[in-house]
All heavy atoms as atom14 arrays in JSON, in Angstrom:
{
  "sequence": "TILNRSNRTCLVADHTKFSRSAPARIASLADVDVFYTDLTLPH",
  "atom14_mask": [
    [1, 1, 1, 1, 1, 1, 1, 0, 0, 0, 0, 0, 0, 0],
    [1, 1, 1, 1, 1, 1, 1, 1, 0, 0, 0, 0, 0, 0],
    [1, 1, 1, 1, 1, 1, 1, 1, 0, 0, 0, 0, 0, 0],
    [1, 1, 1, 1, 1, 1, 1, 1, 0, 0, 0, 0, 0, 0],
    [1, 1, 1, 1, 1, 1, 1, 1, 1, 1, 1, 0, 0, 0],
    [1, 1, 1, 1, 1, 1, 0, 0, 0, 0, 0, 0, 0, 0],
    [1, 1, 1, 1, 1, 1, 1, 1, 0, 0, 0, 0, 0, 0],
    [1, 1, 1, 1, 1, 1, 1, 1, 1, 1, 1, 0, 0, 0],
    [1, 1, 1, 1, 1, 1, 1, 0, 0, 0, 0, 0, 0, 0],
    [1, 1, 1, 1, 1, 1, 0, 0, 0, 0, 0, 0, 0, 0],
    [1, 1, 1, 1, 1, 1, 1, 1, 0, 0, 0, 0, 0, 0],
    [1, 1, 1, 1, 1, 1, 1, 0, 0, 0, 0, 0, 0, 0],
    [1, 1, 1, 1, 1, 0, 0, 0, 0, 0, 0, 0, 0, 0],
    [1, 1, 1, 1, 1, 1, 1, 1, 0, 0, 0, 0, 0, 0],
    [1, 1, 1, 1, 1, 1, 1, 1, 1, 1, 0, 0, 0, 0],
    [1, 1, 1, 1, 1, 1, 1, 0, 0, 0, 0, 0, 0, 0],
    [1, 1, 1, 1, 1, 1, 1, 1, 1, 0, 0, 0, 0, 0],
    [1, 1, 1, 1, 1, 1, 1, 1, 1, 1, 1, 0, 0, 0],
    [1, 1, 1, 1, 1, 1, 0, 0, 0, 0, 0, 0, 0, 0],
    [1, 1, 1, 1, 1, 1, 1, 1, 1, 1, 1, 0, 0, 0],
    [1, 1, 1, 1, 1, 1, 0, 0, 0, 0, 0, 0, 0, 0],
    [1, 1, 1, 1, 1, 0, 0, 0, 0, 0, 0, 0, 0, 0],
    [1, 1, 1, 1, 1, 1, 1, 0, 0, 0, 0, 0, 0, 0],
    [1, 1, 1, 1, 1, 0, 0, 0, 0, 0, 0, 0, 0, 0],
    [1, 1, 1, 1, 1, 1, 1, 1, 1, 1, 1, 0, 0, 0],
    [1, 1, 1, 1, 1, 1, 1, 1, 0, 0, 0, 0, 0, 0],
    [1, 1, 1, 1, 1, 0, 0, 0, 0, 0, 0, 0, 0, 0],
    [1, 1, 1, 1, 1, 1, 0, 0, 0, 0, 0, 0, 0, 0],
    [1, 1, 1, 1, 1, 1, 1, 1, 0, 0, 0, 0, 0, 0],
    [1, 1, 1, 1, 1, 0, 0, 0, 0, 0, 0, 0, 0, 0],
    [1, 1, 1, 1, 1, 1, 1, 1, 0, 0, 0, 0, 0, 0],
    [1, 1, 1, 1, 1, 1, 1, 0, 0, 0, 0, 0, 0, 0],
    [1, 1, 1, 1, 1, 1, 1, 1, 0, 0, 0, 0, 0, 0],
    [1, 1, 1, 1, 1, 1, 1, 0, 0, 0, 0, 0, 0, 0],
    [1, 1, 1, 1, 1, 1, 1, 1, 1, 1, 1, 0, 0, 0],
    [1, 1, 1, 1, 1, 1, 1, 1, 1, 1, 1, 1, 0, 0],
    [1, 1, 1, 1, 1, 1, 1, 0, 0, 0, 0, 0, 0, 0],
    [1, 1, 1, 1, 1, 1, 1, 1, 0, 0, 0, 0, 0, 0],
    [1, 1, 1, 1, 1, 1, 1, 1, 0, 0, 0, 0, 0, 0],
    [1, 1, 1, 1, 1, 1, 1, 0, 0, 0, 0, 0, 0, 0],
    [1, 1, 1, 1, 1, 1, 1, 1, 0, 0, 0, 0, 0, 0],
    [1, 1, 1, 1, 1, 1, 1, 0, 0, 0, 0, 0, 0, 0],
    [1, 1, 1, 1, 1, 1, 1, 1, 1, 1, 0, 0, 0, 0]
  ],
  "atom14_positions": [
    [[0.84, -1.2, 0.0], [0.0, 0.0, 0.0], [0.87, 1.25, 0.0], [0.57, 2.23, -0.69], [-0.93, 0.0, 1.22], [-1.68, -1.22, 1.26], [-1.9, 1.18, 1.18], [0.0, 0.0, 0.0], [0.0, 0.0, 0.0], [0.0, 0.0, 0.0], [0.0, 0.0, 0.0], [0.0, 0.0, 0.0], [0.0, 0.0, 0.0], [0.0, 0.0, 0.0]],
    [[1.95, 1.22, 0.78], [2.87, 2.36, 0.8], [3.42, 2.63, -0.59], [3.47, 3.78, -1.06], [4.03, 2.07, 1.78], [3.52, 1.96, 3.21], [5.11, 3.16, 1.69], [4.52, 1.32, 4.16], [0.0, 0.0, 0.0], [0.0, 0.0, 0.0], [0.0, 0.0, 0.0], [0.0, 0.0, 0.0], [0.0, 0.0, 0.0], [0.0, 0.0, 0.0]],
    [[3.86, 1.59, -1.29], [4.41, 1.76, -2.64], [3.38, 2.38, -3.58], [3.72, 3.22, -4.41], [4.85, 0.4, -3.18], [6.09, -0.23, -2.52], [6.26, -1.67, -2.98], [7.33, 0.58, -2.83], [0.0, 0.0, 0.0], [0.0, 0.0, 0.0], [0.0, 0.0, 0.0], [0.0, 0.0, 0.0], [0.0, 0.0, 0.0], [0.0, 0.0, 0.0]],
    [[2.12, 1.99, -3.43], [1.07, 2.5, -4.3], [0.71, 3.95, -4.02], [0.14, 4.62, -4.89], [-0.2, 1.63, -4.17], [-0.02, 0.25, -4.77], [0.77, 0.07, -5.69], [-0.74, -0.73, -4.25], [0.0, 0.0, 0.0], [0.0, 0.0, 0.0], [0.0, 0.0, 0.0], [0.0, 0.0, 0.0], [0.0, 0.0, 0.0], [0.0, 0.0, 0.0]],
    [[1.04, 4.44, -2.83], [0.63, 5.79, -2.44], [1.81, 6.77, -2.38], [1.68, 7.86, -1.82], [-0.06, 5.76, -1.06], [-1.28, 4.85, -0.99], [-2.34, 5.22, -2.02], [-2.86, 6.56, -1.79], [-3.62, 7.22, -2.66], [-3.93, 6.67, -3.82], [-4.05, 8.43, -2.38], [0.0, 0.0, 0.0], [0.0, 0.0, 0.0], [0.0, 0.0, 0.0]],
    [[2.92, 6.42, -2.98], [4.11, 7.28, -2.94], [4.57, 7.64, -4.34], [4.58, 6.8, -5.24], [5.26, 6.56, -2.21], [4.87, 6.23, -0.89], [0.0, 0.0, 0.0], [0.0, 0.0, 0.0], [0.0, 0.0, 0.0], [0.0, 0.0, 0.0], [0.0, 0.0, 0.0], [0.0, 0.0, 0.0], [0.0, 0.0, 0.0], [0.0, 0.0, 0.0]],
    [[4.95, 8.91, -4.5], [5.46, 9.36, -5.8], [6.84, 8.77, -6.1], [7.15, 8.46, -7.24], [5.54, 10.88, -5.84], [4.17, 11.53, -5.86], [3.22, 10.98, -6.42], [4.04, 12.69, -5.22], [0.0, 0.0, 0.0], [0.0, 0.0, 0.0], [0.0, 0.0, 0.0], [0.0, 0.0, 0.0], [0.0, 0.0, 0.0], [0.0, 0.0, 0.0]],
    [[7.65, 8.64, -5.05], [8.97, 8.03, -5.19], [9.21, 7.11, -4.01], [8.7, 7.34, -2.91], [10.08, 9.11, -5.25], [10.16, 9.84, -6.57], [11.21, 10.95, -6.53], [12.56, 10.46, -6.19], [13.38, 9.88, -7.07], [12.99, 9.7, -8.33], [14.58, 9.5, -6.7], [0.0, 0.0, 0.0], [0.0, 0.0, 0.0], [0.0, 0.0, 0.0]],
    [[10.02, 6.08, -4.24], [10.3, 5.11, -3.19], [11.79, 4.84, -3.1], [12.46, 4.65, -4.12], [9.58, 3.77, -3.47], [8.18, 4.0, -3.59], [9.82, 2.78, -2.34], [0.0, 0.0, 0.0], [0.0, 0.0, 0.0], [0.0, 0.0, 0.0], [0.0, 0.0, 0.0], [0.0, 0.0, 0.0], [0.0, 0.0, 0.0], [0.0, 0.0, 0.0]],
    [[12.31, 4.82, -1.87], [13.69, 4.46, -1.61], [13.72, 3.19, -0.75], [12.93, 3.06, 0.19], [14.41, 5.58, -0.85], [14.53, 7.13, -1.74], [0.0, 0.0, 0.0], [0.0, 0.0, 0.0], [0.0, 0.0, 0.0], [0.0, 0.0, 0.0], [0.0, 0.0, 0.0], [0.0, 0.0, 0.0], [0.0, 0.0, 0.0], [0.0, 0.0, 0.0]],
    [[14.61, 2.29, -1.08], [14.85, 1.1, -0.27], [16.17, 1.27, 0.45], [17.17, 1.65, -0.15], [14.91, -0.15, -1.16], [15.33, -1.45, -0.45], [14.25, -1.91, 0.52], [15.64, -2.55, -1.47], [0.0, 0.0, 0.0], [0.0, 0.0, 0.0], [0.0, 0.0, 0.0], [0.0, 0.0, 0.0], [0.0, 0.0, 0.0], [0.0, 0.0, 0.0]],
    [[16.17, 1.0, 1.76], [17.4, 0.99, 2.55], [17.61, -0.43, 3.05], [16.8, -0.97, 3.79], [17.35, 2.0, 3.72], [17.49, 3.42, 3.19], [16.06, 1.88, 4.53], [0.0, 0.0, 0.0], [0.0, 0.0, 0.0], [0.0, 0.0, 0.0], [0.0, 0.0, 0.0], [0.0, 0.0, 0.0], [0.0, 0.0, 0.0], [0.0, 0.0, 0.0]],
    [[18.71, -1.05, 2.63], [18.97, -2.45, 3.0], [20.45, -2.74, 2.87], [21.05, -2.5, 1.81], [18.17, -3.41, 2.11], [0.0, 0.0, 0.0], [0.0, 0.0, 0.0], [0.0, 0.0, 0.0], [0.0, 0.0, 0.0], [0.0, 0.0, 0.0], [0.0, 0.0, 0.0], [0.0, 0.0, 0.0], [0.0, 0.0, 0.0], [0.0, 0.0, 0.0]],
    [[21.06, -3.25, 3.93], [22.48, -3.58, 3.87], [22.69, -4.97, 3.29], [21.73, -5.7, 3.03], [23.1, -3.48, 5.27], [22.61, -4.57, 6.2], [21.52, -4.41, 6.79], [23.3, -5.59, 6.32], [0.0, 0.0, 0.0], [0.0, 0.0, 0.0], [0.0, 0.0, 0.0], [0.0, 0.0, 0.0], [0.0, 0.0, 0.0], [0.0, 0.0, 0.0]],
    [[23.95, -5.36, 3.1], [24.27, -6.57, 2.35], [23.83, -7.85, 3.05], [23.74, -8.89, 2.4], [25.79, -6.63, 2.1], [26.59, -6.97, 3.32], [26.98, -6.03, 4.25], [27.08, -8.16, 3.78], [27.67, -6.61, 5.21], [27.74, -7.9, 4.95], [0.0, 0.0, 0.0], [0.0, 0.0, 0.0], [0.0, 0.0, 0.0], [0.0, 0.0, 0.0]],
    [[23.56, -7.79, 4.36], [23.12, -9.02, 5.03], [21.79, -9.51, 4.48], [21.48, -10.7, 4.59], [22.99, -8.8, 6.55], [21.98, -7.81, 6.82], [24.31, -8.34, 7.15], [0.0, 0.0, 0.0], [0.0, 0.0, 0.0], [0.0, 0.0, 0.0], [0.0, 0.0, 0.0], [0.0, 0.0, 0.0], [0.0, 0.0, 0.0], [0.0, 0.0, 0.0]],
    [[21.0, -8.61, 3.88], [19.72, -9.02, 3.31], [19.91, -9.87, 2.05], [19.01, -10.6, 1.64], [18.88, -7.78, 2.97], [18.66, -6.85, 4.14], [17.92, -7.52, 5.28], [17.81, -6.63, 6.51], [16.97, -5.47, 6.33], [0.0, 0.0, 0.0], [0.0, 0.0, 0.0], [0.0, 0.0, 0.0], [0.0, 0.0, 0.0], [0.0, 0.0, 0.0]],
    [[21.11, -9.77, 1.42], [21.36, -10.55, 0.2], [21.47, -12.04, 0.49], [21.23, -12.86, -0.4], [22.67, -10.11, -0.48], [22.73, -8.65, -0.86], [23.93, -8.08, -1.23], [21.61, -7.84, -0.85], [24.02, -6.74, -1.59], [21.68, -6.5, -1.2], [22.88, -5.96, -1.57], [0.0, 0.0, 0.0], [0.0, 0.0, 0.0], [0.0, 0.0, 0.0]],
    [[21.85, -12.38, 1.72], [22.09, -13.79, 2.05], [20.95, -14.39, 2.85], [21.06, -15.5, 3.36], [23.4, -13.92, 2.83], [23.37, -13.15, 4.02], [0.0, 0.0, 0.0], [0.0, 0.0, 0.0], [0.0, 0.0, 0.0], [0.0, 0.0, 0.0], [0.0, 0.0, 0.0], [0.0, 0.0, 0.0], [0.0, 0.0, 0.0], [0.0, 0.0, 0.0]],
    [[19.84, -13.67, 2.96], [18.7, -14.16, 3.72], [17.54, -14.48, 2.78], [17.51, -14.07, 1.64], [18.25, -13.13, 4.76], [19.34, -12.77, 5.76], [18.78, -11.97, 6.9], [17.86, -12.8, 7.7], [16.86, -12.3, 8.42], [16.62, -11.01, 8.42], [16.09, -13.11, 9.12], [0.0, 0.0, 0.0], [0.0, 0.0, 0.0], [0.0, 0.0, 0.0]],
    [[16.58, -15.21, 3.32], [15.39, -15.54, 2.55], [14.17, -15.36, 3.45], [14.26, -15.48, 4.67], [15.45, -16.98, 2.04], [14.29, -17.29, 1.3], [0.0, 0.0, 0.0], [0.0, 0.0, 0.0], [0.0, 0.0, 0.0], [0.0, 0.0, 0.0], [0.0, 0.0, 0.0], [0.0, 0.0, 0.0], [0.0, 0.0, 0.0], [0.0, 0.0, 0.0]],
    [[13.04, -15.03, 2.84], [11.77, -14.9, 3.56], [10.66, -15.31, 2.6], [10.83, -15.25, 1.37], [11.58, -13.46, 4.04], [0.0, 0.0, 0.0], [0.0, 0.0, 0.0], [0.0, 0.0, 0.0], [0.0, 0.0, 0.0], [0.0, 0.0, 0.0], [0.0, 0.0, 0.0], [0.0, 0.0, 0.0], [0.0, 0.0, 0.0], [0.0, 0.0, 0.0]],
    [[9.51, -15.74, 3.12], [8.52, -16.38, 2.25], [7.57, -15.47, 1.5], [6.94, -15.91, 0.53], [7.74, -17.27, 3.23], [7.85, -16.55, 4.54], [9.2, -15.91, 4.55], [0.0, 0.0, 0.0], [0.0, 0.0, 0.0], [0.0, 0.0, 0.0], [0.0, 0.0, 0.0], [0.0, 0.0, 0.0], [0.0, 0.0, 0.0], [0.0, 0.0, 0.0]],
    [[7.41, -14.21, 1.93], [6.38, -13.35, 1.34], [7.0, -12.24, 0.49], [7.92, -11.55, 0.94], [5.51, -12.75, 2.44], [0.0, 0.0, 0.0], [0.0, 0.0, 0.0], [0.0, 0.0, 0.0], [0.0, 0.0, 0.0], [0.0, 0.0, 0.0], [0.0, 0.0, 0.0], [0.0, 0.0, 0.0], [0.0, 0.0, 0.0], [0.0, 0.0, 0.0]],
    [[6.47, -12.06, -0.72], [7.01, -11.06, -1.66], [6.3, -9.72, -1.48], [5.07, -9.65, -1.48], [6.84, -11.55, -3.09], [7.39, -10.61, -4.14], [7.13, -11.14, -5.55], [7.75, -10.31, -6.58], [7.17, -9.24, -7.11], [5.96, -8.86, -6.71], [7.79, -8.53, -8.04], [0.0, 0.0, 0.0], [0.0, 0.0, 0.0], [0.0, 0.0, 0.0]],
    [[7.09, -8.66, -1.34], [6.56, -7.3, -1.26], [6.44, -6.71, -2.66], [5.37, -6.27, -3.09], [7.47, -6.4, -0.41], [7.64, -6.94, 0.99], [6.93, -4.98, -0.38], [8.71, -6.23, 1.8], [0.0, 0.0, 0.0], [0.0, 0.0, 0.0], [0.0, 0.0, 0.0], [0.0, 0.0, 0.0], [0.0, 0.0, 0.0], [0.0, 0.0, 0.0]],
    [[7.54, -6.68, -3.37], [7.62, -6.04, -4.69], [8.97, -6.41, -5.3], [9.65, -7.32, -4.82], [7.48, -4.52, -4.54], [0.0, 0.0, 0.0], [0.0, 0.0, 0.0], [0.0, 0.0, 0.0], [0.0, 0.0, 0.0], [0.0, 0.0, 0.0], [0.0, 0.0, 0.0], [0.0, 0.0, 0.0], [0.0, 0.0, 0.0], [0.0, 0.0, 0.0]],
    [[9.35, -5.69, -6.34], [10.63, -5.89, -6.99], [11.46, -4.61, -6.89], [10.91, -3.51, -6.73], [10.42, -6.26, -8.46], [11.64, -6.16, -9.19], [0.0, 0.0, 0.0], [0.0, 0.0, 0.0], [0.0, 0.0, 0.0], [0.0, 0.0, 0.0], [0.0, 0.0, 0.0], [0.0, 0.0, 0.0], [0.0, 0.0, 0.0], [0.0, 0.0, 0.0]],
    [[12.78, -4.76, -7.01], [13.62, -3.57, -7.12], [13.24, -2.73, -8.33], [13.54, -1.53, -8.38], [15.09, -3.98, -7.21], [15.84, -4.22, -5.9], [17.23, -4.75, -6.17], [15.89, -2.95, -5.06], [0.0, 0.0, 0.0], [0.0, 0.0, 0.0], [0.0, 0.0, 0.0], [0.0, 0.0, 0.0], [0.0, 0.0, 0.0], [0.0, 0.0, 0.0]],
    [[12.57, -3.33, -9.29], [12.07, -2.57, -10.44], [11.06, -1.52, -10.02], [10.84, -0.53, -10.73], [11.44, -3.53, -11.47], [0.0, 0.0, 0.0], [0.0, 0.0, 0.0], [0.0, 0.0, 0.0], [0.0, 0.0, 0.0], [0.0, 0.0, 0.0], [0.0, 0.0, 0.0], [0.0, 0.0, 0.0], [0.0, 0.0, 0.0], [0.0, 0.0, 0.0]],
    [[10.42, -1.72, -8.86], [9.41, -0.78, -8.35], [10.01, 0.29, -7.46], [9.29, 1.15, -6.93], [8.35, -1.56, -7.55], [7.69, -2.65, -8.37], [7.26, -2.35, -9.49], [7.63, -3.8, -7.88], [0.0, 0.0, 0.0], [0.0, 0.0, 0.0], [0.0, 0.0, 0.0], [0.0, 0.0, 0.0], [0.0, 0.0, 0.0], [0.0, 0.0, 0.0]],
    [[11.33, 0.26, -7.27], [12.03, 1.18, -6.38], [12.8, 2.2, -7.21], [13.42, 1.86, -8.22], [13.0, 0.4, -5.46], [13.91, 1.33, -4.68], [12.21, -0.51, -4.52], [0.0, 0.0, 0.0], [0.0, 0.0, 0.0], [0.0, 0.0, 0.0], [0.0, 0.0, 0.0], [0.0, 0.0, 0.0], [0.0, 0.0, 0.0], [0.0, 0.0, 0.0]],
    [[12.77, 3.46, -6.8], [13.5, 4.51, -7.52], [14.97, 4.55, -7.13], [15.84, 4.66, -8.01], [12.85, 5.87, -7.25], [11.45, 5.97, -7.82], [11.3, 5.98, -9.06], [10.49, 5.99, -7.02], [0.0, 0.0, 0.0], [0.0, 0.0, 0.0], [0.0, 0.0, 0.0], [0.0, 0.0, 0.0], [0.0, 0.0, 0.0], [0.0, 0.0, 0.0]],
    [[15.26, 4.45, -5.83], [16.65, 4.52, -5.36], [16.86, 3.43, -4.31], [16.03, 3.25, -3.41], [16.99, 5.89, -4.73], [18.48, 5.97, -4.4], [16.59, 7.03, -5.66], [0.0, 0.0, 0.0], [0.0, 0.0, 0.0], [0.0, 0.0, 0.0], [0.0, 0.0, 0.0], [0.0, 0.0, 0.0], [0.0, 0.0, 0.0], [0.0, 0.0, 0.0]],
    [[17.95, 2.7, -4.44], [18.31, 1.64, -3.51], [19.63, 2.01, -2.85], [20.66, 2.1, -3.5], [18.43, 0.31, -4.26], [18.9, -0.85, -3.44], [18.77, -0.89, -2.06], [19.5, -1.95, -4.06], [19.21, -1.96, -1.31], [19.93, -3.05, -3.32], [19.8, -3.04, -1.94], [0.0, 0.0, 0.0], [0.0, 0.0, 0.0], [0.0, 0.0, 0.0]],
    [[19.59, 2.24, -1.53], [20.79, 2.56, -0.74], [21.27, 1.28, -0.07], [20.53, 0.65, 0.69], [20.47, 3.6, 0.32], [20.05, 4.95, -0.21], [18.71, 5.21, -0.5], [20.98, 5.96, -0.42], [18.3, 6.45, -0.98], [20.59, 7.21, -0.9], [19.24, 7.44, -1.19], [18.85, 8.67, -1.67], [0.0, 0.0, 0.0], [0.0, 0.0, 0.0]],
    [[22.53, 0.92, -0.31], [23.1, -0.28, 0.29], [24.58, -0.06, 0.53], [25.13, 0.99, 0.16], [22.84, -1.52, -0.59], [23.2, -2.7, 0.12], [23.59, -1.44, -1.91], [0.0, 0.0, 0.0], [0.0, 0.0, 0.0], [0.0, 0.0, 0.0], [0.0, 0.0, 0.0], [0.0, 0.0, 0.0], [0.0, 0.0, 0.0], [0.0, 0.0, 0.0]],
    [[25.24, -1.06, 1.14], [26.63, -0.84, 1.54], [27.65, -1.54, 0.66], [28.81, -1.12, 0.62], [26.84, -1.25, 3.0], [26.44, -2.69, 3.29], [25.56, -3.21, 2.58], [26.99, -3.3, 4.22], [0.0, 0.0, 0.0], [0.0, 0.0, 0.0], [0.0, 0.0, 0.0], [0.0, 0.0, 0.0], [0.0, 0.0, 0.0], [0.0, 0.0, 0.0]],
    [[27.27, -2.59, -0.05], [28.22, -3.31, -0.88], [27.73, -3.38, -2.32], [26.53, -3.22, -2.6], [28.44, -4.74, -0.34], [29.09, -4.88, 1.03], [29.32, -6.36, 1.35], [30.41, -4.12, 1.11], [0.0, 0.0, 0.0], [0.0, 0.0, 0.0], [0.0, 0.0, 0.0], [0.0, 0.0, 0.0], [0.0, 0.0, 0.0], [0.0, 0.0, 0.0]],
    [[28.66, -3.66, -3.22], [28.31, -3.78, -4.64], [27.37, -4.97, -4.84], [27.57, -6.04, -4.26], [29.59, -3.99, -5.47], [30.47, -2.88, -5.25], [29.26, -4.09, -6.96], [0.0, 0.0, 0.0], [0.0, 0.0, 0.0], [0.0, 0.0, 0.0], [0.0, 0.0, 0.0], [0.0, 0.0, 0.0], [0.0, 0.0, 0.0], [0.0, 0.0, 0.0]],
    [[26.37, -4.78, -5.68], [25.42, -5.86, -5.94], [26.05, -6.92, -6.82], [26.98, -6.64, -7.59], [24.18, -5.3, -6.67], [23.35, -4.24, -5.96], [22.11, -3.92, -6.8], [22.96, -4.67, -4.58], [0.0, 0.0, 0.0], [0.0, 0.0, 0.0], [0.0, 0.0, 0.0], [0.0, 0.0, 0.0], [0.0, 0.0, 0.0], [0.0, 0.0, 0.0]],
    [[25.57, -8.16, -6.73], [25.98, -9.18, -7.7], [25.75, -8.67, -9.13], [24.8, -7.91, -9.39], [25.07, -10.36, -7.37], [24.71, -10.17, -5.94], [24.62, -8.68, -5.73], [0.0, 0.0, 0.0], [0.0, 0.0, 0.0], [0.0, 0.0, 0.0], [0.0, 0.0, 0.0], [0.0, 0.0, 0.0], [0.0, 0.0, 0.0], [0.0, 0.0, 0.0]],
    [[26.61, -9.1, -10.05], [26.62, -8.54, -11.4], [25.24, -8.6, -12.07], [24.76, -7.6, -12.65], [27.65, -9.27, -12.27], [27.66, -8.82, -13.7], [28.13, -7.58, -14.08], [27.2, -9.43, -14.83], [27.99, -7.45, -15.4], [27.43, -8.55, -15.87], [0.0, 0.0, 0.0], [0.0, 0.0, 0.0], [0.0, 0.0, 0.0], [0.0, 0.0, 0.0]]
  ]
}
């Protein structure tokens, strides 16, 4: 709902989230305008 009601969206997530898994899908990075993180993403 937040994504649907915002003109722009930023994701804040450090690299530990890359190695974790969870069962429910929120959205895709394609739906995010800016992604702030600490390490380079996989290619």
